Amino acid sequence: MAPIILARQREIADHVAAQANVATREARENRVDQVRPAERSAASNGPRLGQSGSERGTDARGLSQAEQDQVADLKARDAEVRRHEQAHAAVGGQYAGSPSYTYQTGPDGQRYAIGGAVSIDASPVPDDPAATIAKMEVVKAAALAPAEPSAADRQVASLADAQRAQAIADLATVRAVERADALDQRL
């Protein structure tokens, strides 16, 4: 079975990116709207002497309040995405790959993670149901490791449960055959 990707659904990342683009566009529009007509000529000539960025509605980086809010939202999303994917990777151990991220550039020019994925090997161990049971327990724990597992994470956990159940049945069959063989040898 091919590796399964543990990730927030692509729709979520696309939705966040769309919201960020709308916020950036609105911030640019609001920057022009915030300048009163009498100040437009002064604003077009640049800041007046002694006028700080906060008086113009921008911070030291030249970002408007809306852009600062967008950067704060992107920073929070970045931290959440990284925690989420690191949780998968840490718990998944040898069965998990390294996190990969989808980025968006904020109005401050920095890249922020808005989505991510960790590949995990959820295939059964060939000819070893006991090892498969142990592996699927790790896979399920990795899938559910983040504080808020996504729908995709829950699907992987469900798959791990199904694989584990099959391995338990296989192990019971193997043990029944071993008992029957042992009984036949006594007779």
N, C-alpha and C. Protein backbone atom coordinates (compact mmCIF):
# COMPACT_ATOMS: atom_id res chain seq x y z
N MET A 1 0.85 -1.18 0.00
CA MET A 1 0.00 0.00 0.00
C MET A 1 0.89 1.23 0.00
N ALA A 2 0.55 2.24 -0.77
CA ALA A 2 1.34 3.47 -0.85
C ALA A 2 1.22 4.23 0.46
N PRO A 3 2.24 5.07 0.77
CA PRO A 3 2.16 5.86 2.00
C PRO A 3 0.91 6.75 1.98
N ILE A 4 0.35 6.93 3.12
CA ILE A 4 -0.84 7.76 3.26
C ILE A 4 -0.40 9.10 3.82
N ILE A 5 -0.99 10.15 3.34
CA ILE A 5 -0.61 11.49 3.78
C ILE A 5 -1.53 11.94 4.91
N LEU A 6 -0.89 12.32 6.02
CA LEU A 6 -1.62 12.91 7.13
C LEU A 6 -1.55 14.41 6.92
N ALA A 7 -2.68 15.05 6.73
CA ALA A 7 -2.64 16.48 6.47
C ALA A 7 -3.98 17.12 6.67
N ARG A 8 -3.96 18.37 6.88
CA ARG A 8 -5.20 19.13 6.83
C ARG A 8 -5.61 19.13 5.38
N GLN A 9 -6.88 19.09 5.12
CA GLN A 9 -7.34 18.99 3.75
C GLN A 9 -6.90 20.21 2.96
N ARG A 10 -6.61 19.97 1.69
CA ARG A 10 -6.15 21.04 0.80
C ARG A 10 -7.15 22.20 0.77
N GLU A 11 -8.43 21.88 0.92
CA GLU A 11 -9.46 22.91 0.92
C GLU A 11 -9.20 23.94 2.01
N ILE A 12 -8.75 23.51 3.16
CA ILE A 12 -8.50 24.42 4.27
C ILE A 12 -7.38 25.37 3.91
N ALA A 13 -6.31 24.84 3.35
CA ALA A 13 -5.18 25.70 2.95
C ALA A 13 -5.61 26.69 1.88
N ASP A 14 -6.40 26.21 0.91
CA ASP A 14 -6.88 27.11 -0.14
C ASP A 14 -7.78 28.19 0.45
N HIS A 15 -8.63 27.81 1.40
CA HIS A 15 -9.53 28.78 2.03
C HIS A 15 -8.73 29.84 2.78
N VAL A 16 -7.72 29.41 3.55
CA VAL A 16 -6.89 30.36 4.29
C VAL A 16 -6.15 31.29 3.33
N ALA A 17 -5.63 30.73 2.25
CA ALA A 17 -4.93 31.56 1.26
C ALA A 17 -5.87 32.57 0.64
N ALA A 18 -7.09 32.16 0.33
CA ALA A 18 -8.07 33.08 -0.25
C ALA A 18 -8.41 34.19 0.73
N GLN A 19 -8.60 33.84 2.00
CA GLN A 19 -8.89 34.86 3.01
C GLN A 19 -7.73 35.84 3.13
N ALA A 20 -6.51 35.34 3.09
CA ALA A 20 -5.34 36.21 3.21
C ALA A 20 -5.24 37.14 2.01
N ASN A 21 -5.55 36.65 0.83
CA ASN A 21 -5.52 37.50 -0.37
C ASN A 21 -6.57 38.58 -0.30
N VAL A 22 -7.76 38.25 0.20
CA VAL A 22 -8.82 39.25 0.36
C VAL A 22 -8.38 40.29 1.38
N ALA A 23 -7.80 39.84 2.48
CA ALA A 23 -7.35 40.78 3.51
C ALA A 23 -6.28 41.72 2.98
N THR A 24 -5.36 41.21 2.17
CA THR A 24 -4.32 42.05 1.59
C THR A 24 -4.93 43.08 0.65
N ARG A 25 -5.85 42.64 -0.19
CA ARG A 25 -6.51 43.57 -1.12
C ARG A 25 -7.28 44.63 -0.34
N GLU A 26 -8.01 44.23 0.69
CA GLU A 26 -8.76 45.18 1.50
C GLU A 26 -7.82 46.15 2.22
N ALA A 27 -6.70 45.64 2.68
CA ALA A 27 -5.73 46.50 3.37
C ALA A 27 -5.21 47.58 2.43
N ARG A 28 -4.92 47.20 1.19
CA ARG A 28 -4.44 48.19 0.22
C ARG A 28 -5.51 49.23 -0.07
N GLU A 29 -6.76 48.77 -0.22
CA GLU A 29 -7.86 49.70 -0.49
C GLU A 29 -8.09 50.61 0.70
N ASN A 30 -8.02 50.06 1.91
CA ASN A 30 -8.26 50.86 3.12
C ASN A 30 -7.16 51.88 3.34
N ARG A 31 -5.94 51.56 2.95
CA ARG A 31 -4.84 52.50 3.12
C ARG A 31 -5.14 53.78 2.36
N VAL A 32 -5.66 53.67 1.14
CA VAL A 32 -6.01 54.85 0.35
C VAL A 32 -7.21 55.54 0.97
N ASP A 33 -8.21 54.77 1.42
CA ASP A 33 -9.42 55.35 1.99
C ASP A 33 -9.16 56.06 3.32
N GLN A 34 -8.14 55.64 4.06
CA GLN A 34 -7.86 56.23 5.36
C GLN A 34 -7.30 57.65 5.24
N VAL A 35 -6.74 57.99 4.10
CA VAL A 35 -6.16 59.32 3.92
C VAL A 35 -7.29 60.28 3.57
N ARG A 36 -7.48 61.30 4.40
CA ARG A 36 -8.53 62.28 4.14
C ARG A 36 -8.15 63.13 2.94
N PRO A 37 -9.14 63.67 2.23
CA PRO A 37 -8.86 64.46 1.03
C PRO A 37 -7.84 65.57 1.28
N ALA A 38 -7.93 66.27 2.39
CA ALA A 38 -7.00 67.37 2.66
C ALA A 38 -5.58 66.86 2.86
N GLU A 39 -5.46 65.62 3.28
CA GLU A 39 -4.13 65.06 3.54
C GLU A 39 -3.56 64.32 2.33
N ARG A 40 -4.37 64.12 1.30
CA ARG A 40 -3.92 63.34 0.16
C ARG A 40 -2.71 63.95 -0.51
N SER A 41 -2.71 65.24 -0.67
CA SER A 41 -1.56 65.86 -1.32
C SER A 41 -0.32 65.73 -0.46
N ALA A 42 -0.47 65.87 0.86
CA ALA A 42 0.66 65.72 1.77
C ALA A 42 1.11 64.26 1.79
N ALA A 43 0.14 63.36 1.77
CA ALA A 43 0.48 61.94 1.81
C ALA A 43 1.19 61.52 0.53
N SER A 44 0.81 62.10 -0.59
CA SER A 44 1.46 61.71 -1.84
C SER A 44 2.90 62.20 -1.89
N ASN A 45 3.21 63.23 -1.13
CA ASN A 45 4.59 63.73 -1.08
C ASN A 45 5.41 63.01 -0.02
N GLY A 46 4.84 62.03 0.62
CA GLY A 46 5.55 61.28 1.65
C GLY A 46 5.21 61.82 3.03
N PRO A 47 5.78 61.24 4.06
CA PRO A 47 5.45 61.66 5.43
C PRO A 47 6.01 63.05 5.73
N ARG A 48 5.33 63.73 6.63
CA ARG A 48 5.81 65.03 7.08
C ARG A 48 6.90 64.81 8.11
N LEU A 49 7.75 65.79 8.25
CA LEU A 49 8.79 65.70 9.27
C LEU A 49 8.15 65.53 10.63
N GLY A 50 8.72 64.64 11.43
CA GLY A 50 8.20 64.42 12.77
C GLY A 50 6.99 63.50 12.82
N GLN A 51 6.49 63.05 11.69
CA GLN A 51 5.32 62.18 11.65
C GLN A 51 5.80 60.73 11.72
N SER A 52 5.37 60.01 12.75
CA SER A 52 5.80 58.62 12.90
C SER A 52 4.90 57.70 12.10
N GLY A 53 5.34 56.45 11.96
CA GLY A 53 4.55 55.46 11.24
C GLY A 53 3.20 55.24 11.89
N SER A 54 3.15 55.26 13.24
CA SER A 54 1.88 55.03 13.91
C SER A 54 0.90 56.16 13.65
N GLU A 55 1.42 57.37 13.44
CA GLU A 55 0.53 58.49 13.12
C GLU A 55 -0.03 58.34 11.71
N ARG A 56 0.68 57.66 10.83
CA ARG A 56 0.21 57.44 9.47
C ARG A 56 -0.63 56.16 9.39
N GLY A 57 -0.75 55.41 10.50
CA GLY A 57 -1.53 54.17 10.49
C GLY A 57 -0.71 52.97 10.07
N THR A 58 0.62 53.09 10.06
CA THR A 58 1.48 51.97 9.69
C THR A 58 2.49 51.73 10.79
N ASP A 59 3.09 50.57 10.78
CA ASP A 59 4.13 50.27 11.76
C ASP A 59 5.50 50.59 11.18
N ALA A 60 6.54 50.21 11.88
CA ALA A 60 7.91 50.52 11.44
C ALA A 60 8.24 49.86 10.10
N ARG A 61 7.56 48.77 9.78
CA ARG A 61 7.81 48.08 8.51
C ARG A 61 6.96 48.65 7.38
N GLY A 62 6.12 49.64 7.70
CA GLY A 62 5.26 50.23 6.68
C GLY A 62 3.98 49.46 6.45
N LEU A 63 3.59 48.61 7.40
CA LEU A 63 2.37 47.81 7.26
C LEU A 63 1.19 48.51 7.92
N SER A 64 0.07 48.51 7.24
CA SER A 64 -1.16 49.06 7.80
C SER A 64 -1.65 48.15 8.91
N GLN A 65 -2.65 48.62 9.64
CA GLN A 65 -3.22 47.81 10.71
C GLN A 65 -3.80 46.50 10.16
N ALA A 66 -4.47 46.58 9.02
CA ALA A 66 -5.05 45.37 8.41
C ALA A 66 -3.93 44.40 8.03
N GLU A 67 -2.83 44.91 7.50
CA GLU A 67 -1.71 44.03 7.13
C GLU A 67 -1.05 43.45 8.37
N GLN A 68 -0.95 44.26 9.44
CA GLN A 68 -0.39 43.75 10.70
C GLN A 68 -1.27 42.63 11.24
N ASP A 69 -2.59 42.80 11.15
CA ASP A 69 -3.52 41.76 11.59
C ASP A 69 -3.35 40.50 10.75
N GLN A 70 -3.16 40.69 9.44
CA GLN A 70 -2.97 39.54 8.55
C GLN A 70 -1.68 38.81 8.91
N VAL A 71 -0.61 39.55 9.18
CA VAL A 71 0.66 38.93 9.56
C VAL A 71 0.49 38.16 10.87
N ALA A 72 -0.24 38.74 11.82
CA ALA A 72 -0.48 38.05 13.09
C ALA A 72 -1.26 36.75 12.85
N ASP A 73 -2.27 36.80 11.99
CA ASP A 73 -3.04 35.60 11.66
C ASP A 73 -2.16 34.55 10.99
N LEU A 74 -1.31 34.99 10.06
CA LEU A 74 -0.41 34.06 9.37
C LEU A 74 0.59 33.45 10.33
N LYS A 75 1.11 34.24 11.27
CA LYS A 75 2.05 33.71 12.26
C LYS A 75 1.37 32.65 13.13
N ALA A 76 0.13 32.94 13.54
CA ALA A 76 -0.60 31.97 14.36
C ALA A 76 -0.87 30.70 13.58
N ARG A 77 -1.28 30.83 12.32
CA ARG A 77 -1.54 29.66 11.46
C ARG A 77 -0.26 28.86 11.26
N ASP A 78 0.85 29.56 11.01
CA ASP A 78 2.14 28.91 10.82
C ASP A 78 2.50 28.07 12.05
N ALA A 79 2.35 28.65 13.23
CA ALA A 79 2.68 27.93 14.46
C ALA A 79 1.78 26.72 14.64
N GLU A 80 0.48 26.89 14.35
CA GLU A 80 -0.47 25.78 14.48
C GLU A 80 -0.13 24.64 13.51
N VAL A 81 0.14 24.99 12.26
CA VAL A 81 0.46 23.98 11.24
C VAL A 81 1.73 23.23 11.63
N ARG A 82 2.75 23.95 12.05
CA ARG A 82 4.02 23.30 12.42
C ARG A 82 3.84 22.38 13.63
N ARG A 83 3.09 22.83 14.64
CA ARG A 83 2.83 21.95 15.80
C ARG A 83 2.08 20.70 15.37
N HIS A 84 1.08 20.88 14.52
CA HIS A 84 0.26 19.76 14.05
C HIS A 84 1.12 18.72 13.33
N GLU A 85 1.90 19.16 12.38
CA GLU A 85 2.71 18.22 11.58
C GLU A 85 3.85 17.62 12.41
N GLN A 86 4.45 18.40 13.30
CA GLN A 86 5.52 17.87 14.16
C GLN A 86 4.96 16.79 15.08
N ALA A 87 3.73 16.96 15.53
CA ALA A 87 3.11 15.93 16.39
C ALA A 87 3.00 14.61 15.63
N HIS A 88 2.55 14.68 14.36
CA HIS A 88 2.48 13.46 13.55
C HIS A 88 3.87 12.80 13.44
N ALA A 89 4.85 13.60 13.07
CA ALA A 89 6.20 13.08 12.83
C ALA A 89 6.82 12.50 14.10
N ALA A 90 6.64 13.19 15.22
CA ALA A 90 7.26 12.74 16.47
C ALA A 90 6.67 11.41 16.93
N VAL A 91 5.37 11.29 16.87
CA VAL A 91 4.72 10.06 17.34
C VAL A 91 4.88 8.93 16.32
N GLY A 92 4.88 9.28 15.03
CA GLY A 92 5.00 8.26 13.98
C GLY A 92 6.34 7.59 13.92
N GLY A 93 7.37 8.24 14.47
CA GLY A 93 8.70 7.64 14.53
C GLY A 93 9.20 7.10 13.21
N GLN A 94 9.61 5.84 13.20
CA GLN A 94 10.22 5.23 12.02
C GLN A 94 9.26 5.08 10.86
N TYR A 95 7.96 5.14 11.13
CA TYR A 95 6.98 4.98 10.05
C TYR A 95 6.59 6.30 9.39
N ALA A 96 7.01 7.41 9.99
CA ALA A 96 6.61 8.74 9.49
C ALA A 96 7.78 9.42 8.78
N GLY A 97 7.44 10.19 7.77
CA GLY A 97 8.44 10.99 7.07
C GLY A 97 8.57 12.35 7.74
N SER A 98 9.35 13.20 7.12
CA SER A 98 9.51 14.56 7.62
C SER A 98 8.34 15.41 7.15
N PRO A 99 7.95 16.39 7.95
CA PRO A 99 6.85 17.26 7.52
C PRO A 99 7.23 18.06 6.28
N SER A 100 6.23 18.28 5.42
CA SER A 100 6.40 19.19 4.29
C SER A 100 5.29 20.23 4.42
N TYR A 101 5.55 21.43 3.95
CA TYR A 101 4.62 22.53 4.17
C TYR A 101 4.26 23.24 2.88
N THR A 102 3.06 23.84 2.90
CA THR A 102 2.60 24.73 1.85
C THR A 102 2.71 26.13 2.43
N TYR A 103 3.33 27.04 1.68
CA TYR A 103 3.60 28.38 2.20
C TYR A 103 2.81 29.47 1.50
N GLN A 104 2.64 30.57 2.22
CA GLN A 104 2.06 31.79 1.65
C GLN A 104 2.95 32.94 2.11
N THR A 105 3.21 33.86 1.21
CA THR A 105 3.99 35.04 1.56
C THR A 105 3.06 36.11 2.11
N GLY A 106 3.40 36.61 3.28
CA GLY A 106 2.59 37.64 3.92
C GLY A 106 2.94 39.02 3.39
N PRO A 107 2.19 40.03 3.80
CA PRO A 107 2.46 41.40 3.35
C PRO A 107 3.80 41.92 3.84
N ASP A 108 4.40 41.26 4.81
CA ASP A 108 5.72 41.65 5.30
C ASP A 108 6.85 40.97 4.51
N GLY A 109 6.50 40.19 3.50
CA GLY A 109 7.50 39.52 2.67
C GLY A 109 7.99 38.19 3.22
N GLN A 110 7.52 37.79 4.39
CA GLN A 110 7.93 36.52 5.01
C GLN A 110 7.02 35.40 4.54
N ARG A 111 7.57 34.18 4.51
CA ARG A 111 6.78 33.00 4.13
C ARG A 111 6.24 32.34 5.39
N TYR A 112 4.95 31.99 5.35
CA TYR A 112 4.27 31.35 6.47
C TYR A 112 3.65 30.04 6.02
N ALA A 113 3.81 29.01 6.84
CA ALA A 113 3.19 27.71 6.54
C ALA A 113 1.69 27.83 6.77
N ILE A 114 0.90 27.47 5.75
CA ILE A 114 -0.55 27.52 5.87
C ILE A 114 -1.17 26.12 5.73
N GLY A 115 -0.35 25.14 5.41
CA GLY A 115 -0.80 23.75 5.29
C GLY A 115 0.41 22.85 5.39
N GLY A 116 0.19 21.59 5.64
CA GLY A 116 1.32 20.68 5.74
C GLY A 116 0.89 19.24 5.63
N ALA A 117 1.88 18.39 5.55
CA ALA A 117 1.63 16.95 5.43
C ALA A 117 2.82 16.18 5.98
N VAL A 118 2.53 14.99 6.46
CA VAL A 118 3.55 14.04 6.88
C VAL A 118 3.16 12.70 6.28
N SER A 119 4.06 12.09 5.52
CA SER A 119 3.74 10.77 4.96
C SER A 119 3.97 9.73 6.06
N ILE A 120 3.15 8.69 6.03
CA ILE A 120 3.30 7.62 7.02
C ILE A 120 3.03 6.29 6.33
N ASP A 121 3.83 5.31 6.66
CA ASP A 121 3.68 3.98 6.08
C ASP A 121 2.63 3.23 6.88
N ALA A 122 1.45 3.07 6.29
CA ALA A 122 0.35 2.37 6.97
C ALA A 122 0.10 1.00 6.36
N SER A 123 1.12 0.45 5.71
CA SER A 123 0.95 -0.87 5.12
C SER A 123 1.23 -1.94 6.17
N PRO A 124 0.55 -3.09 6.07
CA PRO A 124 0.79 -4.17 7.04
C PRO A 124 2.20 -4.75 6.86
N VAL A 125 2.73 -5.33 7.93
CA VAL A 125 4.03 -6.00 7.87
C VAL A 125 3.78 -7.37 7.25
N PRO A 126 4.43 -7.68 6.14
CA PRO A 126 4.17 -8.96 5.45
C PRO A 126 4.45 -10.16 6.36
N ASP A 127 3.50 -11.07 6.39
CA ASP A 127 3.64 -12.35 7.09
C ASP A 127 3.94 -12.22 8.58
N ASP A 128 3.55 -11.11 9.19
CA ASP A 128 3.79 -10.94 10.62
C ASP A 128 2.64 -10.14 11.25
N PRO A 129 1.53 -10.82 11.59
CA PRO A 129 0.38 -10.10 12.14
C PRO A 129 0.69 -9.41 13.47
N ALA A 130 1.54 -10.00 14.29
CA ALA A 130 1.87 -9.37 15.59
C ALA A 130 2.59 -8.03 15.35
N ALA A 131 3.53 -8.02 14.41
CA ALA A 131 4.24 -6.77 14.10
C ALA A 131 3.29 -5.75 13.47
N THR A 132 2.34 -6.23 12.67
CA THR A 132 1.34 -5.34 12.05
C THR A 132 0.49 -4.69 13.13
N ILE A 133 0.09 -5.46 14.13
CA ILE A 133 -0.72 -4.92 15.23
C ILE A 133 0.05 -3.79 15.92
N ALA A 134 1.31 -4.03 16.25
CA ALA A 134 2.12 -3.02 16.92
C ALA A 134 2.30 -1.78 16.03
N LYS A 135 2.55 -2.02 14.75
CA LYS A 135 2.75 -0.90 13.81
C LYS A 135 1.49 -0.06 13.68
N MET A 136 0.33 -0.71 13.58
CA MET A 136 -0.92 0.05 13.41
C MET A 136 -1.27 0.85 14.66
N GLU A 137 -0.84 0.39 15.81
CA GLU A 137 -1.04 1.17 17.03
C GLU A 137 -0.23 2.46 16.97
N VAL A 138 0.98 2.38 16.44
CA VAL A 138 1.81 3.58 16.27
C VAL A 138 1.20 4.50 15.21
N VAL A 139 0.75 3.93 14.09
CA VAL A 139 0.16 4.71 13.01
C VAL A 139 -1.07 5.46 13.52
N LYS A 140 -1.94 4.76 14.27
CA LYS A 140 -3.14 5.41 14.80
C LYS A 140 -2.75 6.53 15.78
N ALA A 141 -1.81 6.26 16.65
CA ALA A 141 -1.37 7.28 17.61
C ALA A 141 -0.80 8.50 16.88
N ALA A 142 -0.05 8.26 15.81
CA ALA A 142 0.52 9.38 15.04
C ALA A 142 -0.59 10.18 14.37
N ALA A 143 -1.58 9.50 13.83
CA ALA A 143 -2.69 10.18 13.16
C ALA A 143 -3.47 11.07 14.12
N LEU A 144 -3.62 10.61 15.34
CA LEU A 144 -4.42 11.34 16.33
C LEU A 144 -3.57 12.18 17.28
N ALA A 145 -2.27 12.30 17.02
CA ALA A 145 -1.36 13.03 17.91
C ALA A 145 -1.65 14.52 18.04
N PRO A 146 -2.02 15.22 16.96
CA PRO A 146 -2.26 16.67 17.13
C PRO A 146 -3.46 16.93 18.04
N ALA A 147 -3.47 18.12 18.62
CA ALA A 147 -4.57 18.50 19.51
C ALA A 147 -5.90 18.46 18.78
N GLU A 148 -5.91 18.85 17.50
CA GLU A 148 -7.13 18.85 16.72
C GLU A 148 -6.90 18.08 15.42
N PRO A 149 -7.07 16.76 15.43
CA PRO A 149 -6.86 15.97 14.21
C PRO A 149 -7.85 16.39 13.11
N SER A 150 -7.35 16.43 11.90
CA SER A 150 -8.19 16.77 10.75
C SER A 150 -9.02 15.55 10.34
N ALA A 151 -9.92 15.77 9.39
CA ALA A 151 -10.72 14.67 8.87
C ALA A 151 -9.82 13.62 8.22
N ALA A 152 -8.79 14.08 7.51
CA ALA A 152 -7.84 13.15 6.89
C ALA A 152 -7.10 12.35 7.96
N ASP A 153 -6.76 12.99 9.06
CA ASP A 153 -6.08 12.30 10.16
C ASP A 153 -6.97 11.21 10.74
N ARG A 154 -8.24 11.53 10.90
CA ARG A 154 -9.18 10.54 11.44
C ARG A 154 -9.37 9.37 10.47
N GLN A 155 -9.31 9.65 9.17
CA GLN A 155 -9.42 8.56 8.18
C GLN A 155 -8.23 7.61 8.30
N VAL A 156 -7.04 8.17 8.49
CA VAL A 156 -5.85 7.33 8.65
C VAL A 156 -5.97 6.50 9.92
N ALA A 157 -6.45 7.11 10.99
CA ALA A 157 -6.64 6.36 12.25
C ALA A 157 -7.64 5.23 12.04
N SER A 158 -8.69 5.49 11.29
CA SER A 158 -9.70 4.47 11.00
C SER A 158 -9.09 3.34 10.16
N LEU A 159 -8.28 3.69 9.19
CA LEU A 159 -7.59 2.68 8.38
C LEU A 159 -6.67 1.84 9.25
N ALA A 160 -5.94 2.49 10.15
CA ALA A 160 -5.05 1.75 11.05
C ALA A 160 -5.85 0.79 11.93
N ASP A 161 -7.02 1.23 12.40
CA ASP A 161 -7.88 0.34 13.19
C ASP A 161 -8.30 -0.87 12.36
N ALA A 162 -8.67 -0.64 11.10
CA ALA A 162 -9.09 -1.75 10.23
C ALA A 162 -7.93 -2.71 9.97
N GLN A 163 -6.76 -2.17 9.71
CA GLN A 163 -5.57 -3.01 9.48
C GLN A 163 -5.24 -3.82 10.73
N ARG A 164 -5.38 -3.16 11.89
CA ARG A 164 -5.09 -3.83 13.16
C ARG A 164 -6.09 -4.97 13.39
N ALA A 165 -7.36 -4.70 13.13
CA ALA A 165 -8.40 -5.74 13.31
C ALA A 165 -8.12 -6.94 12.41
N GLN A 166 -7.73 -6.67 11.17
CA GLN A 166 -7.40 -7.76 10.25
C GLN A 166 -6.20 -8.55 10.77
N ALA A 167 -5.20 -7.84 11.29
CA ALA A 167 -4.01 -8.51 11.81
C ALA A 167 -4.35 -9.36 13.03
N ILE A 168 -5.26 -8.88 13.88
CA ILE A 168 -5.69 -9.66 15.05
C ILE A 168 -6.37 -10.95 14.58
N ALA A 169 -7.22 -10.84 13.56
CA ALA A 169 -7.88 -12.04 13.01
C ALA A 169 -6.85 -12.99 12.41
N ASP A 170 -5.88 -12.43 11.68
CA ASP A 170 -4.83 -13.27 11.08
C ASP A 170 -4.01 -13.97 12.17
N LEU A 171 -3.70 -13.23 13.22
CA LEU A 171 -2.91 -13.80 14.32
C LEU A 171 -3.69 -14.93 15.00
N ALA A 172 -4.99 -14.75 15.17
CA ALA A 172 -5.82 -15.80 15.78
C ALA A 172 -5.82 -17.04 14.90
N THR A 173 -5.88 -16.84 13.59
CA THR A 173 -5.84 -17.97 12.65
C THR A 173 -4.51 -18.70 12.75
N VAL A 174 -3.42 -17.95 12.77
CA VAL A 174 -2.07 -18.55 12.87
C VAL A 174 -1.96 -19.36 14.15
N ARG A 175 -2.42 -18.80 15.25
CA ARG A 175 -2.33 -19.50 16.53
C ARG A 175 -3.21 -20.75 16.56
N ALA A 176 -4.37 -20.67 15.94
CA ALA A 176 -5.26 -21.84 15.88
C ALA A 176 -4.59 -22.95 15.06
N VAL A 177 -3.95 -22.60 13.97
CA VAL A 177 -3.25 -23.59 13.14
C VAL A 177 -2.09 -24.18 13.93
N GLU A 178 -1.37 -23.35 14.66
CA GLU A 178 -0.24 -23.85 15.47
C GLU A 178 -0.73 -24.82 16.55
N ARG A 179 -1.85 -24.49 17.18
CA ARG A 179 -2.40 -25.39 18.21
C ARG A 179 -2.85 -26.71 17.59
N ALA A 180 -3.46 -26.64 16.44
CA ALA A 180 -3.91 -27.86 15.76
C ALA A 180 -2.73 -28.72 15.37
N ASP A 181 -1.67 -28.07 14.87
CA ASP A 181 -0.45 -28.82 14.50
C ASP A 181 0.18 -29.46 15.74
N ALA A 182 0.22 -28.74 16.84
CA ALA A 182 0.80 -29.28 18.08
C ALA A 182 -0.02 -30.48 18.57
N LEU A 183 -1.32 -30.38 18.46
CA LEU A 183 -2.21 -31.46 18.87
C LEU A 183 -1.99 -32.69 17.97
N ASP A 184 -1.86 -32.47 16.68
CA ASP A 184 -1.62 -33.57 15.73
C ASP A 184 -0.30 -34.27 16.01
N GLN A 185 0.70 -33.52 16.43
CA GLN A 185 2.00 -34.12 16.72
C GLN A 185 1.95 -34.99 17.97
N ARG A 186 1.08 -34.67 18.91
CA ARG A 186 0.95 -35.47 20.13
C ARG A 186 0.27 -36.80 19.83
N LEU A 187 -0.60 -36.77 18.89
CA LEU A 187 -1.37 -37.99 18.60
C LEU A 187 -0.63 -38.91 17.75
